[in-house]
Amino acid sequence: MIWSLITSFILNVAFLIYIVVLTNKVKVLRKETAKPSENNDELIALAQEKLKTLGDIKTIKYLREEKGMSMLDAKQLVDALKKQE
């Protein structure tokens, strides 16, 4: 009984370490593959134009796919632009 608990504990610690290592690798890869951001003023103007023509959801989708923004960043930008109007 005690050996199974010890084995289970060791495996859980090993998996936890593995998850932490993979999480760090994902962070590094995200930084490496991030598209270079264009000028903020240009991005805002483009987002405003897309928002007027496409609507909220398609603008967020465009920002994610074409500009490499995260879902949260794209949503926050669209929400900020909607408040300005």
PDB file of N, CA and C in Angstrom:
ATOM      1  N   MET A   1       0.822  -1.199   0.000  1.00  0.00           N
ATOM      2  CA  MET A   1       0.000   0.000   0.000  1.00  0.00           C
ATOM      3  C   MET A   1       0.861   1.255   0.000  1.00  0.00           C
ATOM      4  N   ILE A   2       1.872   1.291   0.860  1.00  0.00           N
ATOM      5  CA  ILE A   2       2.718   2.475   0.962  1.00  0.00           C
ATOM      6  C   ILE A   2       3.529   2.666  -0.311  1.00  0.00           C
ATOM      7  N   TRP A   3       3.924   1.550  -0.957  1.00  0.00           N
ATOM      8  CA  TRP A   3       4.719   1.671  -2.184  1.00  0.00           C
ATOM      9  C   TRP A   3       3.896   2.261  -3.318  1.00  0.00           C
ATOM     10  N   SER A   4       2.640   1.936  -3.351  1.00  0.00           N
ATOM     11  CA  SER A   4       1.800   2.498  -4.415  1.00  0.00           C
ATOM     12  C   SER A   4       1.610   4.002  -4.213  1.00  0.00           C
ATOM     13  N   LEU A   5       1.521   4.439  -2.965  1.00  0.00           N
ATOM     14  CA  LEU A   5       1.405   5.870  -2.690  1.00  0.00           C
ATOM     15  C   LEU A   5       2.686   6.613  -3.059  1.00  0.00           C
ATOM     16  N   ILE A   6       3.810   6.023  -2.739  1.00  0.00           N
ATOM     17  CA  ILE A   6       5.097   6.645  -3.063  1.00  0.00           C
ATOM     18  C   ILE A   6       5.283   6.718  -4.575  1.00  0.00           C
ATOM     19  N   THR A   7       4.952   5.647  -5.260  1.00  0.00           N
ATOM     20  CA  THR A   7       5.067   5.612  -6.714  1.00  0.00           C
ATOM     21  C   THR A   7       4.139   6.643  -7.353  1.00  0.00           C
ATOM     22  N   SER A   8       2.931   6.706  -6.857  1.00  0.00           N
ATOM     23  CA  SER A   8       1.977   7.678  -7.366  1.00  0.00           C
ATOM     24  C   SER A   8       2.467   9.108  -7.142  1.00  0.00           C
ATOM     25  N   PHE A   9       3.019   9.373  -5.982  1.00  0.00           N
ATOM     26  CA  PHE A   9       3.545  10.697  -5.677  1.00  0.00           C
ATOM     27  C   PHE A   9       4.704  11.063  -6.609  1.00  0.00           C
ATOM     28  N   ILE A  10       5.610  10.131  -6.824  1.00  0.00           N
ATOM     29  CA  ILE A  10       6.754  10.377  -7.705  1.00  0.00           C
ATOM     30  C   ILE A  10       6.291  10.648  -9.130  1.00  0.00           C
ATOM     31  N   LEU A  11       5.342   9.887  -9.605  1.00  0.00           N
ATOM     32  CA  LEU A  11       4.825  10.100 -10.961  1.00  0.00           C
ATOM     33  C   LEU A  11       4.128  11.457 -11.082  1.00  0.00           C
ATOM     34  N   ASN A  12       3.372  11.828 -10.078  1.00  0.00           N
ATOM     35  CA  ASN A  12       2.703  13.133 -10.104  1.00  0.00           C
ATOM     36  C   ASN A  12       3.711  14.275 -10.127  1.00  0.00           C
ATOM     37  N   VAL A  13       4.758  14.179  -9.363  1.00  0.00           N
ATOM     38  CA  VAL A  13       5.796  15.217  -9.358  1.00  0.00           C
ATOM     39  C   VAL A  13       6.492  15.265 -10.717  1.00  0.00           C
ATOM     40  N   ALA A  14       6.773  14.103 -11.289  1.00  0.00           N
ATOM     41  CA  ALA A  14       7.423  14.056 -12.597  1.00  0.00           C
ATOM     42  C   ALA A  14       6.542  14.696 -13.665  1.00  0.00           C
ATOM     43  N   PHE A  15       5.265  14.405 -13.659  1.00  0.00           N
ATOM     44  CA  PHE A  15       4.351  15.006 -14.630  1.00  0.00           C
ATOM     45  C   PHE A  15       4.227  16.516 -14.417  1.00  0.00           C
ATOM     46  N   LEU A  16       4.228  16.957 -13.190  1.00  0.00           N
ATOM     47  CA  LEU A  16       4.157  18.381 -12.893  1.00  0.00           C
ATOM     48  C   LEU A  16       5.389  19.110 -13.433  1.00  0.00           C
ATOM     49  N   ILE A  17       6.545  18.536 -13.233  1.00  0.00           N
ATOM     50  CA  ILE A  17       7.775  19.120 -13.766  1.00  0.00           C
ATOM     51  C   ILE A  17       7.717  19.165 -15.290  1.00  0.00           C
ATOM     52  N   TYR A  18       7.248  18.099 -15.895  1.00  0.00           N
ATOM     53  CA  TYR A  18       7.123  18.036 -17.357  1.00  0.00           C
ATOM     54  C   TYR A  18       6.174  19.120 -17.879  1.00  0.00           C
ATOM     55  N   ILE A  19       5.077  19.337 -17.189  1.00  0.00           N
ATOM     56  CA  ILE A  19       4.119  20.366 -17.590  1.00  0.00           C
ATOM     57  C   ILE A  19       4.748  21.753 -17.491  1.00  0.00           C
ATOM     58  N   VAL A  20       5.498  22.014 -16.447  1.00  0.00           N
ATOM     59  CA  VAL A  20       6.159  23.308 -16.278  1.00  0.00           C
ATOM     60  C   VAL A  20       7.174  23.533 -17.400  1.00  0.00           C
ATOM     61  N   VAL A  21       7.938  22.512 -17.734  1.00  0.00           N
ATOM     62  CA  VAL A  21       8.920  22.631 -18.815  1.00  0.00           C
ATOM     63  C   VAL A  21       8.226  22.921 -20.142  1.00  0.00           C
ATOM     64  N   LEU A  22       7.153  22.203 -20.429  1.00  0.00           N
ATOM     65  CA  LEU A  22       6.427  22.439 -21.676  1.00  0.00           C
ATOM     66  C   LEU A  22       5.799  23.820 -21.717  1.00  0.00           C
ATOM     67  N   THR A  23       5.296  24.292 -20.593  1.00  0.00           N
ATOM     68  CA  THR A  23       4.718  25.628 -20.535  1.00  0.00           C
ATOM     69  C   THR A  23       5.766  26.687 -20.859  1.00  0.00           C
ATOM     70  N   ASN A  24       6.961  26.520 -20.333  1.00  0.00           N
ATOM     71  CA  ASN A  24       8.037  27.462 -20.634  1.00  0.00           C
ATOM     72  C   ASN A  24       8.420  27.417 -22.104  1.00  0.00           C
ATOM     73  N   LYS A  25       8.433  26.231 -22.700  1.00  0.00           N
ATOM     74  CA  LYS A  25       8.744  26.110 -24.124  1.00  0.00           C
ATOM     75  C   LYS A  25       7.681  26.796 -24.970  1.00  0.00           C
ATOM     76  N   VAL A  26       6.425  26.680 -24.582  1.00  0.00           N
ATOM     77  CA  VAL A  26       5.342  27.335 -25.316  1.00  0.00           C
ATOM     78  C   VAL A  26       5.504  28.850 -25.252  1.00  0.00           C
ATOM     79  N   LYS A  27       5.862  29.375 -24.095  1.00  0.00           N
ATOM     80  CA  LYS A  27       6.075  30.817 -23.956  1.00  0.00           C
ATOM     81  C   LYS A  27       7.190  31.290 -24.884  1.00  0.00           C
ATOM     82  N   VAL A  28       8.275  30.545 -24.938  1.00  0.00           N
ATOM     83  CA  VAL A  28       9.391  30.910 -25.803  1.00  0.00           C
ATOM     84  C   VAL A  28       8.966  30.872 -27.265  1.00  0.00           C
ATOM     85  N   LEU A  29       8.248  29.840 -27.660  1.00  0.00           N
ATOM     86  CA  LEU A  29       7.800  29.725 -29.046  1.00  0.00           C
ATOM     87  C   LEU A  29       6.843  30.843 -29.415  1.00  0.00           C
ATOM     88  N   ARG A  30       5.976  31.238 -28.510  1.00  0.00           N
ATOM     89  CA  ARG A  30       5.058  32.342 -28.792  1.00  0.00           C
ATOM     90  C   ARG A  30       5.813  33.638 -29.023  1.00  0.00           C
ATOM     91  N   LYS A  31       6.861  33.865 -28.239  1.00  0.00           N
ATOM     92  CA  LYS A  31       7.658  35.072 -28.422  1.00  0.00           C
ATOM     93  C   LYS A  31       8.392  35.042 -29.760  1.00  0.00           C
ATOM     94  N   GLU A  32       8.901  33.868 -30.133  1.00  0.00           N
ATOM     95  CA  GLU A  32       9.653  33.743 -31.381  1.00  0.00           C
ATOM     96  C   GLU A  32       8.769  33.905 -32.605  1.00  0.00           C
ATOM     97  N   THR A  33       7.554  33.397 -32.529  1.00  0.00           N
ATOM     98  CA  THR A  33       6.694  33.410 -33.709  1.00  0.00           C
ATOM     99  C   THR A  33       5.764  34.605 -33.775  1.00  0.00           C
ATOM    100  N   ALA A  34       5.843  35.474 -32.776  1.00  0.00           N
ATOM    101  CA  ALA A  34       4.974  36.655 -32.787  1.00  0.00           C
ATOM    102  C   ALA A  34       5.313  37.504 -34.008  1.00  0.00           C
ATOM    103  N   LYS A  35       4.292  37.876 -34.727  1.00  0.00           N
ATOM    104  CA  LYS A  35       4.495  38.712 -35.898  1.00  0.00           C
ATOM    105  C   LYS A  35       4.930  40.102 -35.444  1.00  0.00           C
ATOM    106  N   PRO A  36       5.833  40.700 -36.206  1.00  0.00           N
ATOM    107  CA  PRO A  36       6.213  42.059 -35.815  1.00  0.00           C
ATOM    108  C   PRO A  36       5.012  42.987 -35.907  1.00  0.00           C
ATOM    109  N   SER A  37       4.797  43.722 -34.853  1.00  0.00           N
ATOM    110  CA  SER A  37       3.618  44.583 -34.832  1.00  0.00           C
ATOM    111  C   SER A  37       3.884  45.841 -35.639  1.00  0.00           C
ATOM    112  N   GLU A  38       2.867  46.265 -36.344  1.00  0.00           N
ATOM    113  CA  GLU A  38       2.994  47.495 -37.106  1.00  0.00           C
ATOM    114  C   GLU A  38       2.709  48.665 -36.176  1.00  0.00           C
ATOM    115  N   ASN A  39       2.835  49.826 -36.710  1.00  0.00           N
ATOM    116  CA  ASN A  39       2.604  51.036 -35.945  1.00  0.00           C
ATOM    117  C   ASN A  39       1.215  50.974 -35.293  1.00  0.00           C
ATOM    118  N   ASN A  40       1.127  51.350 -34.018  1.00  0.00           N
ATOM    119  CA  ASN A  40      -0.149  51.286 -33.297  1.00  0.00           C
ATOM    120  C   ASN A  40      -1.230  52.119 -33.968  1.00  0.00           C
ATOM    121  N   ASP A  41      -0.852  53.293 -34.478  1.00  0.00           N
ATOM    122  CA  ASP A  41      -1.845  54.151 -35.127  1.00  0.00           C
ATOM    123  C   ASP A  41      -2.411  53.478 -36.370  1.00  0.00           C
ATOM    124  N   GLU A  42      -1.537  52.800 -37.126  1.00  0.00           N
ATOM    125  CA  GLU A  42      -1.998  52.094 -38.329  1.00  0.00           C
ATOM    126  C   GLU A  42      -2.913  50.932 -37.953  1.00  0.00           C
ATOM    127  N   LEU A  43      -2.534  50.216 -36.902  1.00  0.00           N
ATOM    128  CA  LEU A  43      -3.347  49.081 -36.454  1.00  0.00           C
ATOM    129  C   LEU A  43      -4.713  49.553 -35.975  1.00  0.00           C
ATOM    130  N   ILE A  44      -4.748  50.638 -35.231  1.00  0.00           N
ATOM    131  CA  ILE A  44      -6.016  51.166 -34.732  1.00  0.00           C
ATOM    132  C   ILE A  44      -6.894  51.635 -35.880  1.00  0.00           C
ATOM    133  N   ALA A  45      -6.286  52.329 -36.853  1.00  0.00           N
ATOM    134  CA  ALA A  45      -7.061  52.800 -38.010  1.00  0.00           C
ATOM    135  C   ALA A  45      -7.615  51.620 -38.806  1.00  0.00           C
ATOM    136  N   LEU A  46      -6.796  50.595 -38.984  1.00  0.00           N
ATOM    137  CA  LEU A  46      -7.244  49.406 -39.706  1.00  0.00           C
ATOM    138  C   LEU A  46      -8.365  48.701 -38.952  1.00  0.00           C
ATOM    139  N   ALA A  47      -8.215  48.586 -37.645  1.00  0.00           N
ATOM    140  CA  ALA A  47      -9.250  47.941 -36.832  1.00  0.00           C
ATOM    141  C   ALA A  47     -10.549  48.736 -36.858  1.00  0.00           C
ATOM    142  N   GLN A  48     -10.459  50.056 -36.840  1.00  0.00           N
ATOM    143  CA  GLN A  48     -11.670  50.885 -36.907  1.00  0.00           C
ATOM    144  C   GLN A  48     -12.387  50.681 -38.240  1.00  0.00           C
ATOM    145  N   GLU A  49     -11.599  50.627 -39.301  1.00  0.00           N
ATOM    146  CA  GLU A  49     -12.197  50.407 -40.626  1.00  0.00           C
ATOM    147  C   GLU A  49     -12.878  49.045 -40.701  1.00  0.00           C
ATOM    148  N   LYS A  50     -12.196  48.020 -40.213  1.00  0.00           N
ATOM    149  CA  LYS A  50     -12.769  46.669 -40.231  1.00  0.00           C
ATOM    150  C   LYS A  50     -14.006  46.605 -39.345  1.00  0.00           C
ATOM    151  N   LEU A  51     -13.979  47.296 -38.219  1.00  0.00           N
ATOM    152  CA  LEU A  51     -15.115  47.281 -37.305  1.00  0.00           C
ATOM    153  C   LEU A  51     -16.348  47.888 -37.968  1.00  0.00           C
ATOM    154  N   LYS A  52     -16.157  48.956 -38.719  1.00  0.00           N
ATOM    155  CA  LYS A  52     -17.285  49.596 -39.399  1.00  0.00           C
ATOM    156  C   LYS A  52     -17.840  48.727 -40.516  1.00  0.00           C
ATOM    157  N   THR A  53     -16.956  48.020 -41.222  1.00  0.00           N
ATOM    158  CA  THR A  53     -17.409  47.248 -42.381  1.00  0.00           C
ATOM    159  C   THR A  53     -17.796  45.814 -42.043  1.00  0.00           C
ATOM    160  N   LEU A  54     -17.092  45.194 -41.104  1.00  0.00           N
ATOM    161  CA  LEU A  54     -17.303  43.768 -40.842  1.00  0.00           C
ATOM    162  C   LEU A  54     -18.103  43.472 -39.574  1.00  0.00           C
ATOM    163  N   GLY A  55     -17.995  44.324 -38.587  1.00  0.00           N
ATOM    164  CA  GLY A  55     -18.635  44.040 -37.302  1.00  0.00           C
ATOM    165  C   GLY A  55     -17.631  43.495 -36.301  1.00  0.00           C
ATOM    166  N   ASP A  56     -18.111  43.273 -35.089  1.00  0.00           N
ATOM    167  CA  ASP A  56     -17.246  42.905 -33.969  1.00  0.00           C
ATOM    168  C   ASP A  56     -16.512  41.579 -34.186  1.00  0.00           C
ATOM    169  N   ILE A  57     -17.261  40.530 -34.393  1.00  0.00           N
ATOM    170  CA  ILE A  57     -16.689  39.183 -34.415  1.00  0.00           C
ATOM    171  C   ILE A  57     -15.712  39.009 -35.559  1.00  0.00           C
ATOM    172  N   LYS A  58     -16.073  39.477 -36.736  1.00  0.00           N
ATOM    173  CA  LYS A  58     -15.179  39.317 -37.882  1.00  0.00           C
ATOM    174  C   LYS A  58     -13.931  40.194 -37.748  1.00  0.00           C
ATOM    175  N   THR A  59     -14.055  41.339 -37.080  1.00  0.00           N
ATOM    176  CA  THR A  59     -12.880  42.171 -36.839  1.00  0.00           C
ATOM    177  C   THR A  59     -11.922  41.463 -35.889  1.00  0.00           C
ATOM    178  N   ILE A  60     -12.462  40.869 -34.836  1.00  0.00           N
ATOM    179  CA  ILE A  60     -11.627  40.117 -33.898  1.00  0.00           C
ATOM    180  C   ILE A  60     -10.960  38.953 -34.621  1.00  0.00           C
ATOM    181  N   LYS A  61     -11.702  38.256 -35.437  1.00  0.00           N
ATOM    182  CA  LYS A  61     -11.142  37.142 -36.194  1.00  0.00           C
ATOM    183  C   LYS A  61     -10.029  37.625 -37.127  1.00  0.00           C
ATOM    184  N   TYR A  62     -10.253  38.756 -37.800  1.00  0.00           N
ATOM    185  CA  TYR A  62      -9.244  39.321 -38.692  1.00  0.00           C
ATOM    186  C   TYR A  62      -7.968  39.664 -37.913  1.00  0.00           C
ATOM    187  N   LEU A  63      -8.127  40.327 -36.781  1.00  0.00           N
ATOM    188  CA  LEU A  63      -6.965  40.708 -35.985  1.00  0.00           C
ATOM    189  C   LEU A  63      -6.191  39.491 -35.505  1.00  0.00           C
ATOM    190  N   ARG A  64      -6.895  38.440 -35.185  1.00  0.00           N
ATOM    191  CA  ARG A  64      -6.228  37.221 -34.722  1.00  0.00           C
ATOM    192  C   ARG A  64      -5.485  36.533 -35.859  1.00  0.00           C
ATOM    193  N   GLU A  65      -6.152  36.367 -36.992  1.00  0.00           N
ATOM    194  CA  GLU A  65      -5.569  35.603 -38.083  1.00  0.00           C
ATOM    195  C   GLU A  65      -4.516  36.387 -38.862  1.00  0.00           C
ATOM    196  N   GLU A  66      -4.790  37.637 -39.150  1.00  0.00           N
ATOM    197  CA  GLU A  66      -3.908  38.414 -40.019  1.00  0.00           C
ATOM    198  C   GLU A  66      -2.831  39.183 -39.256  1.00  0.00           C
ATOM    199  N   LYS A  67      -3.124  39.574 -38.044  1.00  0.00           N
ATOM    200  CA  LYS A  67      -2.178  40.387 -37.283  1.00  0.00           C
ATOM    201  C   LYS A  67      -1.526  39.619 -36.143  1.00  0.00           C
ATOM    202  N   GLY A  68      -1.939  38.387 -35.909  1.00  0.00           N
ATOM    203  CA  GLY A  68      -1.308  37.551 -34.902  1.00  0.00           C
ATOM    204  C   GLY A  68      -1.613  37.938 -33.471  1.00  0.00           C
ATOM    205  N   MET A  69      -2.708  38.630 -33.256  1.00  0.00           N
ATOM    206  CA  MET A  69      -3.072  39.039 -31.902  1.00  0.00           C
ATOM    207  C   MET A  69      -3.750  37.886 -31.169  1.00  0.00           C
ATOM    208  N   SER A  70      -3.667  37.916 -29.862  1.00  0.00           N
ATOM    209  CA  SER A  70      -4.383  36.910 -29.079  1.00  0.00           C
ATOM    210  C   SER A  70      -5.863  37.278 -29.053  1.00  0.00           C
ATOM    211  N   MET A  71      -6.685  36.329 -28.671  1.00  0.00           N
ATOM    212  CA  MET A  71      -8.124  36.560 -28.591  1.00  0.00           C
ATOM    213  C   MET A  71      -8.420  37.699 -27.620  1.00  0.00           C
ATOM    214  N   LEU A  72      -7.769  37.684 -26.476  1.00  0.00           N
ATOM    215  CA  LEU A  72      -8.017  38.705 -25.459  1.00  0.00           C
ATOM    216  C   LEU A  72      -7.597  40.086 -25.945  1.00  0.00           C
ATOM    217  N   ASP A  73      -6.411  40.184 -26.555  1.00  0.00           N
ATOM    218  CA  ASP A  73      -5.943  41.482 -27.043  1.00  0.00           C
ATOM    219  C   ASP A  73      -6.846  42.030 -28.141  1.00  0.00           C
ATOM    220  N   ALA A  74      -7.248  41.159 -29.068  1.00  0.00           N
ATOM    221  CA  ALA A  74      -8.123  41.603 -30.153  1.00  0.00           C
ATOM    222  C   ALA A  74      -9.469  42.060 -29.610  1.00  0.00           C
ATOM    223  N   LYS A  75     -10.022  41.325 -28.667  1.00  0.00           N
ATOM    224  CA  LYS A  75     -11.316  41.691 -28.079  1.00  0.00           C
ATOM    225  C   LYS A  75     -11.220  43.009 -27.324  1.00  0.00           C
ATOM    226  N   GLN A  76     -10.147  43.182 -26.567  1.00  0.00           N
ATOM    227  CA  GLN A  76      -9.978  44.422 -25.816  1.00  0.00           C
ATOM    228  C   GLN A  76      -9.827  45.614 -26.754  1.00  0.00           C
ATOM    229  N   LEU A  77      -9.117  45.433 -27.866  1.00  0.00           N
ATOM    230  CA  LEU A  77      -8.966  46.520 -28.829  1.00  0.00           C
ATOM    231  C   LEU A  77     -10.315  46.882 -29.456  1.00  0.00           C
ATOM    232  N   VAL A  78     -11.076  45.891 -29.848  1.00  0.00           N
ATOM    233  CA  VAL A  78     -12.387  46.143 -30.455  1.00  0.00           C
ATOM    234  C   VAL A  78     -13.320  46.803 -29.452  1.00  0.00           C
ATOM    235  N   ASP A  79     -13.299  46.341 -28.210  1.00  0.00           N
ATOM    236  CA  ASP A  79     -14.152  46.961 -27.190  1.00  0.00           C
ATOM    237  C   ASP A  79     -13.757  48.413 -26.940  1.00  0.00           C
ATOM    238  N   ALA A  80     -12.462  48.689 -26.913  1.00  0.00           N
ATOM    239  CA  ALA A  80     -11.993  50.063 -26.708  1.00  0.00           C
ATOM    240  C   ALA A  80     -12.420  50.956 -27.881  1.00  0.00           C
ATOM    241  N   LEU A  81     -12.344  50.429 -29.089  1.00  0.00           N
ATOM    242  CA  LEU A  81     -12.749  51.205 -30.264  1.00  0.00           C
ATOM    243  C   LEU A  81     -14.255  51.465 -30.261  1.00  0.00           C
ATOM    244  N   LYS A  82     -15.025  50.488 -29.791  1.00  0.00           N
ATOM    245  CA  LYS A  82     -16.478  50.674 -29.722  1.00  0.00           C
ATOM    246  C   LYS A  82     -16.829  51.744 -28.691  1.00  0.00           C
ATOM    247  N   LYS A  83     -16.096  51.823 -27.603  1.00  0.00           N
ATOM    248  CA  LYS A  83     -16.372  52.834 -26.565  1.00  0.00           C
ATOM    249  C   LYS A  83     -16.052  54.238 -27.076  1.00  0.00           C
ATOM    250  N   GLN A  84     -15.064  54.342 -27.975  1.00  0.00           N
ATOM    251  CA  GLN A  84     -14.685  55.659 -28.501  1.00  0.00           C
ATOM    252  C   GLN A  84     -15.754  56.238 -29.414  1.00  0.00           C
ATOM    253  N   GLU A  85     -16.524  55.377 -30.035  1.00  0.00           N
ATOM    254  CA  GLU A  85     -17.524  55.842 -31.001  1.00  0.00           C
ATOM    255  C   GLU A  85     -18.678  56.529 -30.346  1.00  0.00           C
TER     256      GLU A  85
END
